[in-house]
Amino acid sequence: MKLTQTSPAISSRPRLISTWLLRPLLLILAAAFFYQAWFLLHIVYWRTYDPASSAFMQNRLEVMHQQNPAAKLQQQWIKYEQISVHLKRAVVAAEDARFLQHEGFDYKAIEAAWKKNLQQRKLAAGGSTISQQLAKNLFLSTEKTVGRKLQETIITFMLEKFLTKRRILEMYLNVIEWGEGIFGAEAAARHYFGIPASSLTPSQAAWLASIIPNPRFYDNNRKQPKLLRKSGIILSRLPTAKIP
């Protein structure tokens, strides 16, 4: 009875194939790791230092430069204590009523938005929290893709783990858009009312919070009945809005 011997060349072939497949996989994993680490390092740095800009601000500036090369953004960073408590309450009431209760994702709001979208057969509601909106504003594009949404989820998790709710709200109020080239609470208060953000009244704060979903449109349509009704609803919710 003869025993067959496996050729060394044949036996080493699977090993070569596995090595050939493993190397690019390791490179992809390493690249993904360093890419996420880049986001994390920024977030940890921002525990102490304020962001100089955001991805969304840079995107808007590029668009504005197409119309006017000399265009500039209006934005001035102010500390949490310098922002009217009425504005903090109004923004939480309008954008994320359970801000202090969740860890970045409001599943009740997501479920409600999903049902509303199914009923209207379009993307009529989002359900994004303040933390999710901050993640998108700081780092990401405005494209609505699965990959971008996944990255937003990862960044939101990082924000919630490494920053306090107070810091998240402070950053959010300083970087969100409030009109054509208007970013942050201080620039918004001065643009619309000619006063610092610390002096905003409850009704002014409620109005500012009501225009967040579409600020450039409402900058030119400030007294639309729908907007004023929404502002009134937000104003009525101020006493119960919980802030850090």
Foldseek 3Di string as FASTA:
>chain_A
DDDDDDDPVVVCVVVVVVVVVVVVVVVVVVVVVVVLVVLLVVLLVLQPDADPAAPQLVVLLVVVCVVPVPDAFDADADFLLLAALLLLLLLCLQAPQCLVPDLQADVVLQVVQVVVCVVVVHNPDDRGHLLLVLLCGHYHDPDDDPVRSVSSVSSSNSNSVNHDSSSSSSNSQRAADQENSYGHQQSNCCVPPNDGNRPDDNLRSLLSSLCRVPRHVCVVVVDDPVSNVSSVVSSVCSVVRDGD
